Amino acid sequence: MFFTFFYSTLCCSLLQITPECIALDIADKCQLQAEKKGVQLGVVLDCFSGVGGNVIALAARTKCQVVYAVDLDAHKLAMLR
């Protein structure tokens, strides 16, 4: 039973994740806009992180100090960790 639930959650999450190239492009644009405005990205909050496609890209590509991931599904957050 647990395996079936985990597998269906995993498959659904992987279908909904932002493709890596798009997530990296979003992160680069966020960093570019911050630099253009002369501000530093301090805290980034992704309120619908899922398994973390955008969160991982933001943490890897931007100079932000902290990245928070929030999601209602504890299983998706566990996969993100």
Protein backbone atom coordinates (compact mmCIF):
# COMPACT_ATOMS: atom_id res chain seq x y z
CA MET A 1 0.00 0.00 0.00
CA PHE A 2 2.75 2.47 0.97
CA PHE A 3 4.73 1.69 -2.19
CA THR A 4 1.68 2.34 -4.38
CA PHE A 5 1.04 5.69 -2.68
CA PHE A 6 4.71 6.67 -2.85
CA TYR A 7 4.99 5.65 -6.50
CA SER A 8 1.86 7.59 -7.53
CA THR A 9 3.08 10.67 -5.61
CA LEU A 10 6.50 10.41 -7.26
CA CYS A 11 5.09 10.04 -10.79
CA CYS A 12 2.65 12.90 -10.32
CA SER A 13 5.42 15.12 -8.91
CA LEU A 14 7.82 14.39 -11.74
CA LEU A 15 5.17 15.29 -14.30
CA GLN A 16 4.53 18.63 -12.58
CA ILE A 17 8.14 19.67 -11.98
CA THR A 18 9.55 22.64 -13.89
CA PRO A 19 12.06 21.40 -16.49
CA GLU A 20 15.65 22.10 -15.45
CA CYS A 21 16.46 24.44 -18.34
CA ILE A 22 13.41 26.59 -17.55
CA ALA A 23 14.10 26.62 -13.79
CA LEU A 24 17.70 27.70 -14.41
CA ASP A 25 16.52 30.42 -16.78
CA ILE A 26 14.06 31.73 -14.16
CA ALA A 27 16.83 31.78 -11.54
CA ASP A 28 19.19 33.62 -13.90
CA LYS A 29 16.51 36.21 -14.67
CA CYS A 30 15.81 36.77 -10.96
CA GLN A 31 19.50 37.34 -10.31
CA LEU A 32 19.82 39.63 -13.34
CA GLN A 33 16.84 41.74 -12.26
CA ALA A 34 18.24 42.05 -8.74
CA GLU A 35 21.61 43.17 -10.07
CA LYS A 36 19.96 45.59 -12.49
CA LYS A 37 18.04 47.21 -9.62
CA GLY A 38 21.09 47.24 -7.39
CA VAL A 39 19.60 45.02 -4.71
CA GLN A 40 20.69 41.71 -3.24
CA LEU A 41 18.41 38.72 -3.07
CA GLY A 42 18.23 38.07 0.66
CA VAL A 43 15.40 35.59 1.16
CA VAL A 44 13.59 33.64 -1.56
CA LEU A 45 10.29 31.92 -0.75
CA ASP A 46 8.72 29.35 -3.08
CA CYS A 47 5.21 28.81 -1.72
CA PHE A 48 4.35 25.96 -4.09
CA SER A 49 7.68 24.17 -4.26
CA GLY A 50 6.52 20.62 -4.90
CA VAL A 51 9.65 18.49 -5.26
CA GLY A 52 11.76 21.60 -5.72
CA GLY A 53 12.56 22.21 -9.37
CA ASN A 54 12.66 25.99 -8.98
CA VAL A 55 14.00 25.97 -5.42
CA ILE A 56 17.07 23.97 -6.37
CA ALA A 57 17.80 26.25 -9.33
CA LEU A 58 17.35 29.39 -7.22
CA ALA A 59 19.68 28.07 -4.54
CA ALA A 60 22.29 27.05 -7.10
CA ARG A 61 22.23 30.03 -9.46
CA THR A 62 21.45 33.09 -7.32
CA LYS A 63 23.42 34.85 -4.64
CA CYS A 64 20.52 34.76 -2.20
CA GLN A 65 21.22 34.08 1.45
CA VAL A 66 18.30 31.74 2.19
CA VAL A 67 15.83 29.78 0.05
CA TYR A 68 12.64 28.49 1.69
CA ALA A 69 10.43 25.79 0.17
CA VAL A 70 6.78 25.48 1.25
CA ASP A 71 4.28 22.88 0.12
CA LEU A 72 1.18 21.26 1.59
CA ASP A 73 2.32 17.75 0.66
CA ALA A 74 4.82 16.43 3.21
CA HIS A 75 5.86 13.61 0.84
CA LYS A 76 6.95 16.10 -1.84
CA LEU A 77 8.95 18.07 0.72
CA ALA A 78 10.60 14.84 1.85
CA MET A 79 11.62 14.15 -1.75
CA LEU A 80 12.97 17.71 -2.02
CA ARG A 81 15.21 17.19 0.99
